[in-house]
Amino acid sequence: MRNTLTIAELETEHTELLPTRETLAFGNTNWANVFASNSSMALNAASLGSLANSAAYQSITVTQG
């Protein structure tokens, strides 16, 4: 694999600007509030032949202003 470019190869390269993007703004400040929560609960009775049950919950809330 070649790691160098010649001047002729560099001269064939070109760039272009990306279009502008509108953002949600509050004054001159953009911000996002992210809140994530993970919780789980399991119950297993201590007896022979018992079964374990578990429930899990995940929540992600994002607000932007």
PDB file of N, CA and C in Angstrom:
ATOM      1  N   MET A   1       0.851  -1.178   0.000  1.00  0.00           N
ATOM      2  CA  MET A   1       0.000   0.000   0.000  1.00  0.00           C
ATOM      3  C   MET A   1       0.894   1.237   0.000  1.00  0.00           C
ATOM      4  N   ARG A   2       0.552   2.183  -0.837  1.00  0.00           N
ATOM      5  CA  ARG A   2       1.350   3.392  -1.014  1.00  0.00           C
ATOM      6  C   ARG A   2       0.881   4.476  -0.051  1.00  0.00           C
ATOM      7  N   ASN A   3       1.816   5.144   0.636  1.00  0.00           N
ATOM      8  CA  ASN A   3       1.475   6.162   1.621  1.00  0.00           C
ATOM      9  C   ASN A   3       1.713   7.582   1.133  1.00  0.00           C
ATOM     10  N   THR A   4       2.279   7.756  -0.051  1.00  0.00           N
ATOM     11  CA  THR A   4       2.589   9.103  -0.538  1.00  0.00           C
ATOM     12  C   THR A   4       1.784   9.414  -1.790  1.00  0.00           C
ATOM     13  N   LEU A   5       1.516  10.702  -1.986  1.00  0.00           N
ATOM     14  CA  LEU A   5       0.827  11.181  -3.180  1.00  0.00           C
ATOM     15  C   LEU A   5       1.764  12.085  -3.958  1.00  0.00           C
ATOM     16  N   THR A   6       1.612  12.062  -5.252  1.00  0.00           N
ATOM     17  CA  THR A   6       2.402  12.975  -6.063  1.00  0.00           C
ATOM     18  C   THR A   6       1.671  14.312  -6.162  1.00  0.00           C
ATOM     19  N   ILE A   7       2.386  15.349  -6.597  1.00  0.00           N
ATOM     20  CA  ILE A   7       1.783  16.670  -6.785  1.00  0.00           C
ATOM     21  C   ILE A   7       0.663  16.592  -7.813  1.00  0.00           C
ATOM     22  N   ALA A   8       0.862  15.819  -8.876  1.00  0.00           N
ATOM     23  CA  ALA A   8      -0.174  15.680  -9.909  1.00  0.00           C
ATOM     24  C   ALA A   8      -1.446  15.061  -9.332  1.00  0.00           C
ATOM     25  N   GLU A   9      -1.309  14.080  -8.438  1.00  0.00           N
ATOM     26  CA  GLU A   9      -2.485  13.467  -7.809  1.00  0.00           C
ATOM     27  C   GLU A   9      -3.192  14.453  -6.884  1.00  0.00           C
ATOM     28  N   LEU A  10      -2.428  15.251  -6.154  1.00  0.00           N
ATOM     29  CA  LEU A  10      -3.031  16.252  -5.277  1.00  0.00           C
ATOM     30  C   LEU A  10      -3.774  17.323  -6.058  1.00  0.00           C
ATOM     31  N   GLU A  11      -3.264  17.679  -7.219  1.00  0.00           N
ATOM     32  CA  GLU A  11      -3.921  18.714  -8.027  1.00  0.00           C
ATOM     33  C   GLU A  11      -5.249  18.240  -8.598  1.00  0.00           C
ATOM     34  N   THR A  12      -5.461  16.934  -8.703  1.00  0.00           N
ATOM     35  CA  THR A  12      -6.741  16.428  -9.214  1.00  0.00           C
ATOM     36  C   THR A  12      -7.826  16.406  -8.136  1.00  0.00           C
ATOM     37  N   GLU A  13      -7.465  16.557  -6.873  1.00  0.00           N
ATOM     38  CA  GLU A  13      -8.435  16.563  -5.783  1.00  0.00           C
ATOM     39  C   GLU A  13      -9.197  17.882  -5.758  1.00  0.00           C
ATOM     40  N   HIS A  14     -10.462  17.829  -5.328  1.00  0.00           N
ATOM     41  CA  HIS A  14     -11.250  19.043  -5.176  1.00  0.00           C
ATOM     42  C   HIS A  14     -12.149  18.912  -3.952  1.00  0.00           C
ATOM     43  N   THR A  15     -12.584  20.025  -3.457  1.00  0.00           N
ATOM     44  CA  THR A  15     -13.466  20.043  -2.286  1.00  0.00           C
ATOM     45  C   THR A  15     -14.731  20.809  -2.620  1.00  0.00           C
ATOM     46  N   GLU A  16     -15.740  20.578  -1.833  1.00  0.00           N
ATOM     47  CA  GLU A  16     -16.966  21.360  -1.964  1.00  0.00           C
ATOM     48  C   GLU A  16     -17.551  21.566  -0.577  1.00  0.00           C
ATOM     49  N   LEU A  17     -18.236  22.672  -0.412  1.00  0.00           N
ATOM     50  CA  LEU A  17     -18.829  22.984   0.878  1.00  0.00           C
ATOM     51  C   LEU A  17     -20.122  22.209   1.059  1.00  0.00           C
ATOM     52  N   LEU A  18     -20.355  21.778   2.272  1.00  0.00           N
ATOM     53  CA  LEU A  18     -21.619  21.122   2.591  1.00  0.00           C
ATOM     54  C   LEU A  18     -22.704  22.180   2.747  1.00  0.00           C
ATOM     55  N   PRO A  19     -23.966  21.840   2.478  1.00  0.00           N
ATOM     56  CA  PRO A  19     -25.036  22.824   2.660  1.00  0.00           C
ATOM     57  C   PRO A  19     -25.175  23.198   4.132  1.00  0.00           C
ATOM     58  N   THR A  20     -25.642  24.411   4.390  1.00  0.00           N
ATOM     59  CA  THR A  20     -25.819  24.845   5.772  1.00  0.00           C
ATOM     60  C   THR A  20     -26.961  24.063   6.406  1.00  0.00           C
ATOM     61  N   ARG A  21     -26.871  23.897   7.711  1.00  0.00           N
ATOM     62  CA  ARG A  21     -27.901  23.176   8.448  1.00  0.00           C
ATOM     63  C   ARG A  21     -28.568  24.116   9.428  1.00  0.00           C
ATOM     64  N   GLU A  22     -29.875  24.012   9.507  1.00  0.00           N
ATOM     65  CA  GLU A  22     -30.595  24.778  10.507  1.00  0.00           C
ATOM     66  C   GLU A  22     -30.560  23.996  11.812  1.00  0.00           C
ATOM     67  N   THR A  23     -30.371  24.712  12.905  1.00  0.00           N
ATOM     68  CA  THR A  23     -30.333  24.066  14.208  1.00  0.00           C
ATOM     69  C   THR A  23     -31.398  24.664  15.107  1.00  0.00           C
ATOM     70  N   LEU A  24     -31.783  23.884  16.083  1.00  0.00           N
ATOM     71  CA  LEU A  24     -32.680  24.410  17.096  1.00  0.00           C
ATOM     72  C   LEU A  24     -31.854  25.277  18.027  1.00  0.00           C
ATOM     73  N   ALA A  25     -32.246  26.497  18.236  1.00  0.00           N
ATOM     74  CA  ALA A  25     -31.428  27.397  19.041  1.00  0.00           C
ATOM     75  C   ALA A  25     -32.278  28.106  20.083  1.00  0.00           C
ATOM     76  N   PHE A  26     -31.683  28.383  21.214  1.00  0.00           N
ATOM     77  CA  PHE A  26     -32.286  29.177  22.267  1.00  0.00           C
ATOM     78  C   PHE A  26     -31.358  30.360  22.469  1.00  0.00           C
ATOM     79  N   GLY A  27     -31.716  31.494  21.901  1.00  0.00           N
ATOM     80  CA  GLY A  27     -30.781  32.609  21.888  1.00  0.00           C
ATOM     81  C   GLY A  27     -29.639  32.256  20.949  1.00  0.00           C
ATOM     82  N   ASN A  28     -28.436  32.282  21.442  1.00  0.00           N
ATOM     83  CA  ASN A  28     -27.276  31.852  20.665  1.00  0.00           C
ATOM     84  C   ASN A  28     -26.709  30.540  21.186  1.00  0.00           C
ATOM     85  N   THR A  29     -27.511  29.796  21.933  1.00  0.00           N
ATOM     86  CA  THR A  29     -27.031  28.578  22.566  1.00  0.00           C
ATOM     87  C   THR A  29     -27.861  27.390  22.117  1.00  0.00           C
ATOM     88  N   ASN A  30     -27.205  26.321  21.711  1.00  0.00           N
ATOM     89  CA  ASN A  30     -27.874  25.048  21.423  1.00  0.00           C
ATOM     90  C   ASN A  30     -27.616  24.121  22.595  1.00  0.00           C
ATOM     91  N   TRP A  31     -28.618  23.404  23.048  1.00  0.00           N
ATOM     92  CA  TRP A  31     -28.428  22.495  24.164  1.00  0.00           C
ATOM     93  C   TRP A  31     -29.355  21.302  24.022  1.00  0.00           C
ATOM     94  N   ALA A  32     -28.963  20.218  24.624  1.00  0.00           N
ATOM     95  CA  ALA A  32     -29.792  19.012  24.672  1.00  0.00           C
ATOM     96  C   ALA A  32     -29.674  18.419  26.066  1.00  0.00           C
ATOM     97  N   ASN A  33     -30.800  18.066  26.642  1.00  0.00           N
ATOM     98  CA  ASN A  33     -30.849  17.443  27.957  1.00  0.00           C
ATOM     99  C   ASN A  33     -31.165  15.965  27.746  1.00  0.00           C
ATOM    100  N   VAL A  34     -30.263  15.082  28.201  1.00  0.00           N
ATOM    101  CA  VAL A  34     -30.444  13.645  28.024  1.00  0.00           C
ATOM    102  C   VAL A  34     -30.541  13.000  29.401  1.00  0.00           C
ATOM    103  N   PHE A  35     -31.585  12.224  29.612  1.00  0.00           N
ATOM    104  CA  PHE A  35     -31.775  11.499  30.865  1.00  0.00           C
ATOM    105  C   PHE A  35     -32.002  10.029  30.525  1.00  0.00           C
ATOM    106  N   ALA A  36     -31.182   9.155  31.087  1.00  0.00           N
ATOM    107  CA  ALA A  36     -31.325   7.723  30.837  1.00  0.00           C
ATOM    108  C   ALA A  36     -31.475   6.995  32.165  1.00  0.00           C
ATOM    109  N   SER A  37     -32.335   5.993  32.184  1.00  0.00           N
ATOM    110  CA  SER A  37     -32.577   5.230  33.402  1.00  0.00           C
ATOM    111  C   SER A  37     -32.681   3.749  33.052  1.00  0.00           C
ATOM    112  N   ASN A  38     -31.967   2.922  33.790  1.00  0.00           N
ATOM    113  CA  ASN A  38     -32.062   1.468  33.663  1.00  0.00           C
ATOM    114  C   ASN A  38     -32.398   0.904  35.037  1.00  0.00           C
ATOM    115  N   SER A  39     -33.367   0.036  35.099  1.00  0.00           N
ATOM    116  CA  SER A  39     -33.690  -0.592  36.383  1.00  0.00           C
ATOM    117  C   SER A  39     -34.127  -2.032  36.144  1.00  0.00           C
ATOM    118  N   SER A  40     -33.869  -2.853  37.125  1.00  0.00           N
ATOM    119  CA  SER A  40     -34.252  -4.257  37.037  1.00  0.00           C
ATOM    120  C   SER A  40     -34.579  -4.765  38.438  1.00  0.00           C
ATOM    121  N   MET A  41     -35.503  -5.699  38.500  1.00  0.00           N
ATOM    122  CA  MET A  41     -35.864  -6.293  39.782  1.00  0.00           C
ATOM    123  C   MET A  41     -36.049  -7.790  39.561  1.00  0.00           C
ATOM    124  N   ALA A  42     -35.482  -8.591  40.452  1.00  0.00           N
ATOM    125  CA  ALA A  42     -35.611 -10.044  40.342  1.00  0.00           C
ATOM    126  C   ALA A  42     -36.057 -10.609  41.685  1.00  0.00           C
ATOM    127  N   LEU A  43     -36.814 -11.683  41.625  1.00  0.00           N
ATOM    128  CA  LEU A  43     -37.281 -12.348  42.838  1.00  0.00           C
ATOM    129  C   LEU A  43     -37.098 -13.846  42.654  1.00  0.00           C
ATOM    130  N   ASN A  44     -36.436 -14.453  43.607  1.00  0.00           N
ATOM    131  CA  ASN A  44     -36.242 -15.904  43.587  1.00  0.00           C
ATOM    132  C   ASN A  44     -36.455 -16.410  45.012  1.00  0.00           C
ATOM    133  N   ALA A  45     -37.497 -17.170  45.199  1.00  0.00           N
ATOM    134  CA  ALA A  45     -37.755 -17.737  46.530  1.00  0.00           C
ATOM    135  C   ALA A  45     -36.758 -18.869  46.774  1.00  0.00           C
ATOM    136  N   ALA A  46     -36.254 -18.938  47.964  1.00  0.00           N
ATOM    137  CA  ALA A  46     -35.207 -19.916  48.294  1.00  0.00           C
ATOM    138  C   ALA A  46     -35.814 -21.266  48.633  1.00  0.00           C
ATOM    139  N   SER A  47     -36.302 -21.946  47.627  1.00  0.00           N
ATOM    140  CA  SER A  47     -36.861 -23.284  47.837  1.00  0.00           C
ATOM    141  C   SER A  47     -36.435 -24.170  46.672  1.00  0.00           C
ATOM    142  N   LEU A  48     -36.466 -25.456  46.887  1.00  0.00           N
ATOM    143  CA  LEU A  48     -36.075 -26.399  45.836  1.00  0.00           C
ATOM    144  C   LEU A  48     -37.052 -26.303  44.665  1.00  0.00           C
ATOM    145  N   GLY A  49     -36.507 -26.278  43.464  1.00  0.00           N
ATOM    146  CA  GLY A  49     -37.345 -26.252  42.274  1.00  0.00           C
ATOM    147  C   GLY A  49     -37.988 -24.907  41.996  1.00  0.00           C
ATOM    148  N   SER A  50     -37.499 -23.867  42.634  1.00  0.00           N
ATOM    149  CA  SER A  50     -38.111 -22.550  42.416  1.00  0.00           C
ATOM    150  C   SER A  50     -37.643 -21.956  41.091  1.00  0.00           C
ATOM    151  N   LEU A  51     -38.415 -21.053  40.575  1.00  0.00           N
ATOM    152  CA  LEU A  51     -38.095 -20.348  39.339  1.00  0.00           C
ATOM    153  C   LEU A  51     -37.804 -18.885  39.664  1.00  0.00           C
ATOM    154  N   ALA A  52     -36.902 -18.280  38.884  1.00  0.00           N
ATOM    155  CA  ALA A  52     -36.582 -16.860  39.075  1.00  0.00           C
ATOM    156  C   ALA A  52     -37.299 -16.050  38.007  1.00  0.00           C
ATOM    157  N   ASN A  53     -37.925 -14.987  38.420  1.00  0.00           N
ATOM    158  CA  ASN A  53     -38.563 -14.065  37.488  1.00  0.00           C
ATOM    159  C   ASN A  53     -37.856 -12.719  37.584  1.00  0.00           C
ATOM    160  N   SER A  54     -37.705 -12.055  36.455  1.00  0.00           N
ATOM    161  CA  SER A  54     -37.038 -10.759  36.449  1.00  0.00           C
ATOM    162  C   SER A  54     -37.743  -9.852  35.456  1.00  0.00           C
ATOM    163  N   ALA A  55     -37.783  -8.576  35.789  1.00  0.00           N
ATOM    164  CA  ALA A  55     -38.344  -7.584  34.878  1.00  0.00           C
ATOM    165  C   ALA A  55     -37.333  -6.448  34.753  1.00  0.00           C
ATOM    166  N   ALA A  56     -37.157  -5.933  33.553  1.00  0.00           N
ATOM    167  CA  ALA A  56     -36.206  -4.843  33.331  1.00  0.00           C
ATOM    168  C   ALA A  56     -36.908  -3.725  32.583  1.00  0.00           C
ATOM    169  N   TYR A  57     -36.469  -2.506  32.856  1.00  0.00           N
ATOM    170  CA  TYR A  57     -37.061  -1.333  32.229  1.00  0.00           C
ATOM    171  C   TYR A  57     -35.947  -0.370  31.834  1.00  0.00           C
ATOM    172  N   GLN A  58     -36.037   0.176  30.652  1.00  0.00           N
ATOM    173  CA  GLN A  58     -35.062   1.175  30.200  1.00  0.00           C
ATOM    174  C   GLN A  58     -35.819   2.354  29.612  1.00  0.00           C
ATOM    175  N   SER A  59     -35.353   3.540  29.943  1.00  0.00           N
ATOM    176  CA  SER A  59     -35.997   4.756  29.457  1.00  0.00           C
ATOM    177  C   SER A  59     -34.930   5.774  29.086  1.00  0.00           C
ATOM    178  N   ILE A  60     -35.085   6.406  27.923  1.00  0.00           N
ATOM    179  CA  ILE A  60     -34.186   7.488  27.508  1.00  0.00           C
ATOM    180  C   ILE A  60     -35.055   8.660  27.053  1.00  0.00           C
ATOM    181  N   THR A  61     -34.822   9.821  27.652  1.00  0.00           N
ATOM    182  CA  THR A  61     -35.569  11.029  27.317  1.00  0.00           C
ATOM    183  C   THR A  61     -34.593  12.094  26.846  1.00  0.00           C
ATOM    184  N   VAL A  62     -34.872  12.698  25.695  1.00  0.00           N
ATOM    185  CA  VAL A  62     -34.024  13.761  25.150  1.00  0.00           C
ATOM    186  C   VAL A  62     -34.889  14.971  24.870  1.00  0.00           C
ATOM    187  N   THR A  63     -34.497  16.105  25.408  1.00  0.00           N
ATOM    188  CA  THR A  63     -35.157  17.364  25.079  1.00  0.00           C
ATOM    189  C   THR A  63     -34.103  18.326  24.544  1.00  0.00           C
ATOM    190  N   GLN A  64     -34.463  19.070  23.544  1.00  0.00           N
ATOM    191  CA  GLN A  64     -33.506  19.977  22.917  1.00  0.00           C
ATOM    192  C   GLN A  64     -34.155  21.356  22.781  1.00  0.00           C
ATOM    193  N   GLY A  65     -33.377  22.358  23.025  1.00  0.00           N
ATOM    194  CA  GLY A  65     -33.906  23.697  22.906  1.00  0.00           C
ATOM    195  C   GLY A  65     -32.923  24.640  22.296  1.00  0.00           C
TER     196      GLY A  65
END
